[in-house]
Amino acid sequence: MNKIYETPLLISLPDPFPLKNFRGYFTDKEKVFKRKIKNGIKKFLLSRTIYMR
């Protein structure tokens, strides 16, 4: 679970941050993470709608 909290911190650092490769790596990770969240929300909403019926 730690990685989830680390990525936004790294991305929010100012641009002249020395580890540029790191930033690229984490933005990639963030994209994957966002996609996972989207899918998770979709699944959650679907399960809720089924439950509501």
Protein backbone atom coordinates (compact mmCIF):
# COMPACT_ATOMS: atom_id res chain seq x y z
CA MET A 1 0.00 0.00 0.00
CA ASN A 2 2.96 2.37 0.57
CA LYS A 3 3.59 2.93 -3.16
CA ILE A 4 0.12 4.46 -3.51
CA TYR A 5 1.06 7.23 -1.08
CA GLU A 6 4.61 7.69 -2.39
CA THR A 7 3.73 8.47 -6.00
CA PRO A 8 1.69 11.67 -5.53
CA LEU A 9 4.44 13.08 -3.30
CA LEU A 10 7.12 12.48 -5.93
CA ILE A 11 5.00 13.96 -8.69
CA SER A 12 4.15 17.04 -6.64
CA LEU A 13 7.85 17.84 -6.14
CA PRO A 14 9.13 20.90 -8.05
CA ASP A 15 10.34 20.39 -11.62
CA PRO A 16 14.09 20.84 -11.03
CA PHE A 17 13.95 17.57 -9.10
CA PRO A 18 17.24 15.76 -9.82
CA LEU A 19 15.89 12.24 -10.37
CA LYS A 20 14.13 12.90 -13.70
CA ASN A 21 14.11 9.17 -14.54
CA PHE A 22 12.34 8.56 -11.27
CA ARG A 23 9.62 11.04 -12.17
CA GLY A 24 8.99 9.31 -15.49
CA TYR A 25 8.85 5.96 -13.75
CA PHE A 26 6.34 7.17 -11.20
CA THR A 27 4.11 8.99 -13.69
CA ASP A 28 3.88 5.69 -15.58
CA LYS A 29 3.01 3.95 -12.33
CA GLU A 30 0.40 6.62 -11.65
CA LYS A 31 -1.27 6.03 -15.03
CA VAL A 32 -1.55 2.31 -14.25
CA PHE A 33 -2.80 3.16 -10.77
CA LYS A 34 -5.47 5.54 -12.11
CA ARG A 35 -6.63 2.88 -14.59
CA LYS A 36 -6.89 0.39 -11.71
CA ILE A 37 -8.94 2.90 -9.71
CA LYS A 38 -11.27 3.51 -12.67
CA ASN A 39 -11.81 -0.23 -13.15
CA GLY A 40 -12.31 -0.65 -9.42
CA ILE A 41 -14.95 2.11 -9.36
CA LYS A 42 -16.72 0.58 -12.36
CA LYS A 43 -16.79 -2.83 -10.69
CA PHE A 44 -17.96 -1.26 -7.44
CA LEU A 45 -20.78 0.66 -9.17
CA LEU A 46 -21.83 -2.45 -11.09
CA SER A 47 -21.94 -4.54 -7.93
CA ARG A 48 -23.94 -1.76 -6.23
CA THR A 49 -26.49 -1.51 -9.03
CA ILE A 50 -26.96 -5.29 -8.95
CA TYR A 51 -27.32 -5.06 -5.17
CA MET A 52 -29.81 -2.18 -5.43
CA ARG A 53 -32.09 -4.24 -7.68
